[in-house]
Amino acid sequence: MRSTTLTLLLTIAMGSPLPQSGYPTPASPNQATIEHCQVFLIQDVEVPAQEAGRLVRVDVRESDIVAAGDLLAQIDDRQAQLQKTAAELERAAAQTRADDDIEVRFAMKSFELADAELTQDLEINRKSSGVIPMSEIRRKRLARHRAELQIDRSKLDLRVAQMTADVQQAAVLSAEDNILRRQINAPFKGVVIDVQKQEGEWVDKGEPVVRVVRMDRLRVDGFIDGNAFNPADLSDRPVIVHVQRARGEIERFAGKVTFISPLVQAGNHFRIRAEVENRQRDGHWLLSPGMNARMTVQTE
């Protein structure tokens, strides 16, 4: 026992590092090894209610795995559904008016009649001057001009009707958005770790309802010696992360450097971050936020 203690003290006094239990010893000179790294979440979101209302459904429980867009909970949307129905009916009525060109066709026929009558009278007077009084000629010219303007007016009414239909289409889209805003959906693929509201409860706008974290991809942060490596040596380089689990079990995870801090800390160390792919075994994630890890960066 005394011999072991003496050996330990001599090792510390000579400055030799103590080996970390279980971790493989790096052998390549083209590697940067960072001890005492920490595992963190990349995405951790308390999904809020976008509108106030009563929760009529909560479809998830803690530990459920959800995909991006999955419905987590539903706020009462009956009023929004009624608004959508009304907007759709108003849109249909407006579109029917926009598609009705009866007035345009009638105006064109009226113009054809007025033009034919005026042409006939002018032809009569050409053959026999003065048969048709000039007052009558002027009246028919005015009638033809009125009929011509009525065509333009009818076409304008159709364009306005179509614009009204477009406005009603926007109202339908707004009503649909109101319905969607009462759905609380998963923002990304992840795991539900907290359900903060239950069915029947009232939620205010912006109030968190469900907390979702991403577990299939995590980040690992550590500090590296700036005297040994420059940021350019490490940028976008592949990494291997080792973590030690229960009973000395070692797991490896592959990833890539995604961030190098431009700020240098005391002792000329700077932060390096990598993102790694996580995996499951027997329904449980092998890498978890909060774990200590060792990261090896392939520098060449």
Protein backbone atom coordinates (compact mmCIF):
# COMPACT_ATOMS: atom_id res chain seq x y z
CA MET A 1 0.00 0.00 0.00
CA ARG A 2 2.82 2.41 0.95
CA SER A 3 4.66 1.45 -2.24
CA THR A 4 1.61 2.25 -4.38
CA THR A 5 1.14 5.61 -2.66
CA LEU A 6 4.82 6.46 -3.11
CA THR A 7 4.64 5.62 -6.82
CA LEU A 8 1.59 7.86 -7.22
CA LEU A 9 3.28 10.79 -5.46
CA LEU A 10 6.42 10.38 -7.57
CA THR A 11 4.31 10.34 -10.72
CA ILE A 12 2.58 13.60 -9.77
CA ALA A 13 5.87 15.22 -8.73
CA MET A 14 7.48 14.33 -12.08
CA GLY A 15 4.53 15.84 -13.96
CA SER A 16 3.53 12.63 -15.74
CA PRO A 17 -0.21 12.51 -16.58
CA LEU A 18 -2.28 9.80 -14.99
CA PRO A 19 -4.00 7.53 -17.53
CA GLN A 20 -7.79 7.85 -17.75
CA SER A 21 -9.43 4.55 -16.85
CA GLY A 22 -10.89 2.71 -19.78
CA TYR A 23 -10.14 5.25 -22.56
CA PRO A 24 -7.91 4.02 -25.39
CA THR A 25 -4.54 5.73 -25.63
CA PRO A 26 -4.17 7.93 -28.75
CA ALA A 27 -1.30 6.71 -30.91
CA SER A 28 -1.30 8.91 -34.02
CA PRO A 29 0.72 12.16 -34.11
CA ASN A 30 -1.94 13.53 -36.50
CA GLN A 31 -4.53 13.66 -33.75
CA ALA A 32 -5.48 16.27 -31.20
CA THR A 33 -6.86 14.72 -28.03
CA ILE A 34 -9.04 16.82 -25.75
CA GLU A 35 -9.77 15.50 -22.28
CA HIS A 36 -12.63 16.53 -19.99
CA CYS A 37 -15.13 17.41 -22.72
CA GLN A 38 -18.82 17.86 -22.01
CA VAL A 39 -21.84 16.59 -23.94
CA PHE A 40 -24.67 19.07 -24.63
CA LEU A 41 -27.99 19.20 -26.42
CA ILE A 42 -28.14 20.90 -29.81
CA GLN A 43 -31.89 21.52 -29.76
CA ASP A 44 -33.98 21.90 -26.62
CA VAL A 45 -37.34 23.60 -27.10
CA GLU A 46 -40.30 24.26 -24.84
CA VAL A 47 -42.98 24.25 -27.52
CA PRO A 48 -45.42 27.11 -26.80
CA ALA A 49 -49.07 27.70 -27.54
CA GLN A 50 -49.40 30.19 -30.41
CA GLU A 51 -52.92 31.15 -29.33
CA ALA A 52 -54.75 31.18 -26.02
CA GLY A 53 -57.42 28.56 -25.42
CA ARG A 54 -58.44 25.33 -23.75
CA LEU A 55 -56.48 22.19 -24.54
CA VAL A 56 -58.85 19.59 -25.95
CA ARG A 57 -56.12 17.02 -26.65
CA VAL A 58 -52.64 16.19 -25.44
CA ASP A 59 -51.30 13.37 -27.59
CA VAL A 60 -47.87 12.72 -26.09
CA ARG A 61 -46.25 11.54 -22.89
CA GLU A 62 -42.75 11.76 -21.49
CA SER A 63 -40.22 9.63 -23.42
CA ASP A 64 -42.32 9.58 -26.60
CA ILE A 65 -40.28 9.94 -29.79
CA VAL A 66 -41.83 12.42 -32.20
CA ALA A 67 -41.10 13.44 -35.78
CA ALA A 68 -40.97 17.00 -37.04
CA GLY A 69 -44.54 18.27 -37.49
CA ASP A 70 -46.21 15.65 -35.31
CA LEU A 71 -49.23 16.92 -33.39
CA LEU A 72 -48.37 17.23 -29.71
CA ALA A 73 -51.50 18.95 -28.43
CA GLN A 74 -54.63 20.63 -29.75
CA ILE A 75 -56.25 23.89 -28.60
CA ASP A 76 -60.01 24.27 -29.06
CA ASP A 77 -60.47 25.53 -32.65
CA ARG A 78 -64.25 25.40 -33.09
CA GLN A 79 -64.56 29.18 -33.57
CA ALA A 80 -61.71 29.17 -36.08
CA GLN A 81 -63.36 26.32 -38.00
CA LEU A 82 -66.62 28.30 -38.22
CA GLN A 83 -64.72 31.35 -39.46
CA LYS A 84 -63.13 29.22 -42.16
CA THR A 85 -66.52 27.87 -43.27
CA ALA A 86 -67.94 31.40 -43.51
CA ALA A 87 -64.90 32.61 -45.45
CA GLU A 88 -65.17 29.69 -47.88
CA LEU A 89 -68.85 30.47 -48.56
CA GLU A 90 -68.08 34.15 -49.14
CA ARG A 91 -65.23 33.17 -51.45
CA ALA A 92 -67.54 30.88 -53.46
CA ALA A 93 -70.15 33.64 -53.82
CA ALA A 94 -67.52 36.17 -54.90
CA GLN A 95 -66.00 33.73 -57.40
CA THR A 96 -69.45 33.02 -58.87
CA ARG A 97 -69.93 36.74 -59.48
CA ALA A 98 -66.45 36.98 -60.99
CA ASP A 99 -67.21 34.13 -63.40
CA ASP A 100 -70.55 35.61 -64.51
CA ASP A 101 -69.99 37.52 -67.78
CA ILE A 102 -73.67 38.00 -68.65
CA GLU A 103 -73.43 41.77 -68.30
CA VAL A 104 -70.43 41.90 -70.61
CA ARG A 105 -72.15 39.81 -73.27
CA PHE A 106 -75.36 41.90 -72.97
CA ALA A 107 -73.38 45.14 -73.27
CA MET A 108 -71.66 43.86 -76.41
CA LYS A 109 -74.99 42.92 -77.99
CA SER A 110 -76.43 46.33 -77.07
CA PHE A 111 -73.47 47.99 -78.74
CA GLU A 112 -73.95 45.87 -81.88
CA LEU A 113 -77.62 46.95 -82.03
CA ALA A 114 -76.88 50.63 -81.45
CA ASP A 115 -74.13 50.57 -84.07
CA ALA A 116 -76.36 48.82 -86.60
CA GLU A 117 -79.20 51.35 -86.09
CA LEU A 118 -76.84 54.30 -86.47
CA THR A 119 -75.24 52.79 -89.57
CA GLN A 120 -78.65 52.15 -91.11
CA ASP A 121 -79.79 55.76 -90.56
CA LEU A 122 -76.54 57.15 -91.94
CA GLU A 123 -76.94 54.97 -95.05
CA ILE A 124 -80.52 56.23 -95.54
CA ASN A 125 -79.39 59.83 -95.32
CA ARG A 126 -76.53 59.12 -97.72
CA LYS A 127 -79.02 57.95 -100.31
CA SER A 128 -81.70 60.53 -99.49
CA SER A 129 -80.37 63.51 -97.58
CA GLY A 130 -82.46 64.74 -94.67
CA VAL A 131 -84.79 61.76 -94.41
CA ILE A 132 -83.52 61.05 -90.89
CA PRO A 133 -83.34 64.22 -88.77
CA MET A 134 -79.90 65.13 -87.40
CA SER A 135 -81.30 65.11 -83.88
CA GLU A 136 -82.12 61.44 -84.32
CA ILE A 137 -78.66 60.76 -85.74
CA ARG A 138 -77.06 62.46 -82.71
CA ARG A 139 -79.28 60.50 -80.34
CA LYS A 140 -78.25 57.19 -81.91
CA ARG A 141 -74.59 58.16 -81.87
CA LEU A 142 -74.95 58.83 -78.16
CA ALA A 143 -76.70 55.49 -77.68
CA ARG A 144 -73.87 53.70 -79.47
CA HIS A 145 -71.25 55.50 -77.35
CA ARG A 146 -73.18 54.62 -74.18
CA ALA A 147 -73.29 50.96 -75.22
CA GLU A 148 -69.56 51.04 -75.92
CA LEU A 149 -68.85 52.49 -72.47
CA GLN A 150 -71.14 49.89 -70.90
CA ILE A 151 -68.87 47.16 -72.28
CA ASP A 152 -65.90 48.72 -70.49
CA ARG A 153 -67.97 49.17 -67.34
CA SER A 154 -69.08 45.51 -67.37
CA LYS A 155 -65.51 44.30 -67.85
CA LEU A 156 -64.39 46.53 -64.97
CA ASP A 157 -67.13 45.05 -62.77
CA LEU A 158 -65.80 41.57 -63.59
CA ARG A 159 -62.26 42.57 -62.61
CA VAL A 160 -63.51 44.03 -59.34
CA ALA A 161 -65.51 40.86 -58.69
CA GLN A 162 -62.37 38.78 -59.24
CA MET A 163 -60.43 41.02 -56.85
CA THR A 164 -63.19 40.51 -54.28
CA ALA A 165 -62.89 36.76 -54.76
CA ASP A 166 -59.12 37.05 -54.22
CA VAL A 167 -59.74 38.98 -51.00
CA GLN A 168 -62.08 36.23 -49.82
CA GLN A 169 -59.41 33.65 -50.72
CA ALA A 170 -57.03 35.54 -48.43
CA ALA A 171 -59.69 35.39 -45.72
CA VAL A 172 -59.88 31.61 -46.15
CA LEU A 173 -56.10 31.33 -45.85
CA SER A 174 -56.20 33.50 -42.73
CA ALA A 175 -58.87 31.25 -41.21
CA GLU A 176 -56.79 28.17 -42.03
CA ASP A 177 -53.78 29.80 -40.37
CA ASN A 178 -55.89 30.45 -37.26
CA ILE A 179 -56.71 26.74 -37.18
CA LEU A 180 -53.07 25.73 -37.60
CA ARG A 181 -52.00 28.14 -34.85
CA ARG A 182 -54.15 26.14 -32.47
CA GLN A 183 -52.16 23.01 -33.21
CA ILE A 184 -49.03 22.49 -31.15
CA ASN A 185 -46.58 20.57 -33.34
CA ALA A 186 -43.12 19.11 -32.83
CA PRO A 187 -40.52 21.52 -34.24
CA PHE A 188 -38.07 18.71 -35.02
CA LYS A 189 -37.48 14.99 -34.54
CA GLY A 190 -36.85 14.43 -30.86
CA VAL A 191 -37.90 13.05 -27.51
CA VAL A 192 -40.62 14.46 -25.25
CA ILE A 193 -39.09 14.97 -21.83
CA ASP A 194 -41.79 17.09 -20.17
CA VAL A 195 -45.53 17.60 -20.65
CA GLN A 196 -46.35 20.79 -18.79
CA LYS A 197 -50.09 21.03 -19.49
CA GLN A 198 -52.88 18.48 -19.47
CA GLU A 199 -56.07 18.05 -21.46
CA GLY A 200 -58.75 20.47 -20.31
CA GLU A 201 -56.30 23.09 -19.02
CA TRP A 202 -56.27 26.67 -20.28
CA VAL A 203 -53.09 27.92 -21.92
CA ASP A 204 -52.12 31.48 -22.68
CA LYS A 205 -50.43 32.60 -25.86
CA GLY A 206 -46.71 31.86 -25.63
CA GLU A 207 -47.07 29.53 -22.64
CA PRO A 208 -44.94 26.33 -22.90
CA VAL A 209 -46.91 23.10 -23.26
CA VAL A 210 -44.42 20.37 -24.18
CA ARG A 211 -40.63 20.22 -23.97
CA VAL A 212 -38.85 18.38 -26.79
CA VAL A 213 -35.12 17.69 -27.08
CA ARG A 214 -33.13 16.31 -29.96
CA MET A 215 -31.20 13.18 -29.08
CA ASP A 216 -30.09 11.71 -32.41
CA ARG A 217 -27.39 14.37 -32.75
CA LEU A 218 -25.53 16.00 -29.86
CA ARG A 219 -22.64 18.41 -29.46
CA VAL A 220 -19.43 17.97 -27.52
CA ASP A 221 -17.47 20.96 -26.21
CA GLY A 222 -13.92 21.10 -24.93
CA PHE A 223 -10.88 23.38 -24.63
CA ILE A 224 -7.68 22.83 -26.60
CA ASP A 225 -4.21 24.20 -26.12
CA GLY A 226 -3.52 27.07 -28.50
CA ASN A 227 0.21 26.50 -28.13
CA ALA A 228 -0.15 23.10 -29.81
CA PHE A 229 -2.83 23.73 -32.45
CA ASN A 230 -4.14 26.59 -34.54
CA PRO A 231 -7.87 26.86 -35.31
CA ALA A 232 -7.16 26.13 -38.99
CA ASP A 233 -5.70 22.75 -37.97
CA LEU A 234 -9.06 21.71 -36.53
CA SER A 235 -11.76 23.39 -38.59
CA ASP A 236 -14.30 20.93 -40.13
CA ARG A 237 -12.10 17.98 -39.17
CA PRO A 238 -13.54 14.54 -38.31
CA VAL A 239 -13.65 13.56 -34.65
CA ILE A 240 -14.13 10.47 -32.53
CA VAL A 241 -15.75 10.95 -29.13
CA HIS A 242 -15.28 8.39 -26.36
CA VAL A 243 -17.53 8.18 -23.31
CA GLN A 244 -17.29 5.80 -20.40
CA ARG A 245 -20.53 4.24 -19.28
CA ALA A 246 -21.38 1.95 -16.39
CA ARG A 247 -19.05 -0.93 -15.51
CA GLY A 248 -16.21 0.56 -17.57
CA GLU A 249 -18.01 0.23 -20.89
CA ILE A 250 -16.53 2.52 -23.57
CA GLU A 251 -18.59 3.81 -26.51
CA ARG A 252 -17.32 5.62 -29.61
CA PHE A 253 -19.21 8.21 -31.62
CA ALA A 254 -18.21 9.77 -34.93
CA GLY A 255 -18.71 13.40 -35.82
CA LYS A 256 -17.13 16.59 -37.15
CA VAL A 257 -15.86 19.89 -35.76
CA THR A 258 -18.57 22.51 -36.32
CA PHE A 259 -17.36 25.52 -34.33
CA ILE A 260 -14.12 26.99 -33.05
CA SER A 261 -14.38 29.98 -30.75
CA PRO A 262 -12.46 33.09 -31.79
CA LEU A 263 -12.04 33.94 -28.10
CA VAL A 264 -8.91 32.70 -26.31
CA GLN A 265 -9.30 31.79 -22.64
CA ALA A 266 -6.72 32.01 -19.87
CA GLY A 267 -3.72 29.78 -20.49
CA ASN A 268 -4.06 30.21 -24.29
CA HIS A 269 -6.90 27.70 -24.60
CA PHE A 270 -9.85 28.08 -26.94
CA ARG A 271 -13.18 26.30 -27.16
CA ILE A 272 -13.81 23.69 -29.85
CA ARG A 273 -17.17 22.11 -30.60
CA ALA A 274 -18.12 19.02 -32.55
CA GLU A 275 -21.46 17.47 -33.46
CA VAL A 276 -21.75 13.68 -33.29
CA GLU A 277 -24.34 11.12 -34.30
CA ASN A 278 -25.99 9.39 -31.35
CA ARG A 279 -27.43 5.88 -31.41
CA GLN A 280 -29.70 3.66 -29.36
CA ARG A 281 -29.37 0.26 -27.78
CA ASP A 282 -32.37 -1.59 -26.39
CA GLY A 283 -34.44 1.57 -26.78
CA HIS A 284 -32.04 3.79 -24.82
CA TRP A 285 -29.63 6.44 -26.09
CA LEU A 286 -25.98 5.63 -25.50
CA LEU A 287 -24.84 9.26 -25.43
CA SER A 288 -26.60 11.66 -23.09
CA PRO A 289 -26.26 15.38 -22.35
CA GLY A 290 -24.15 16.01 -19.27
CA MET A 291 -21.76 13.12 -19.85
CA ASN A 292 -18.02 13.65 -19.65
CA ALA A 293 -16.14 12.64 -22.78
CA ARG A 294 -12.82 12.62 -24.52
CA MET A 295 -12.62 13.96 -28.07
CA THR A 296 -9.98 13.06 -30.63
CA VAL A 297 -9.70 15.32 -33.68
CA GLN A 298 -8.09 14.00 -36.85
CA THR A 299 -5.87 16.96 -37.81
CA GLU A 300 -4.60 15.54 -41.12
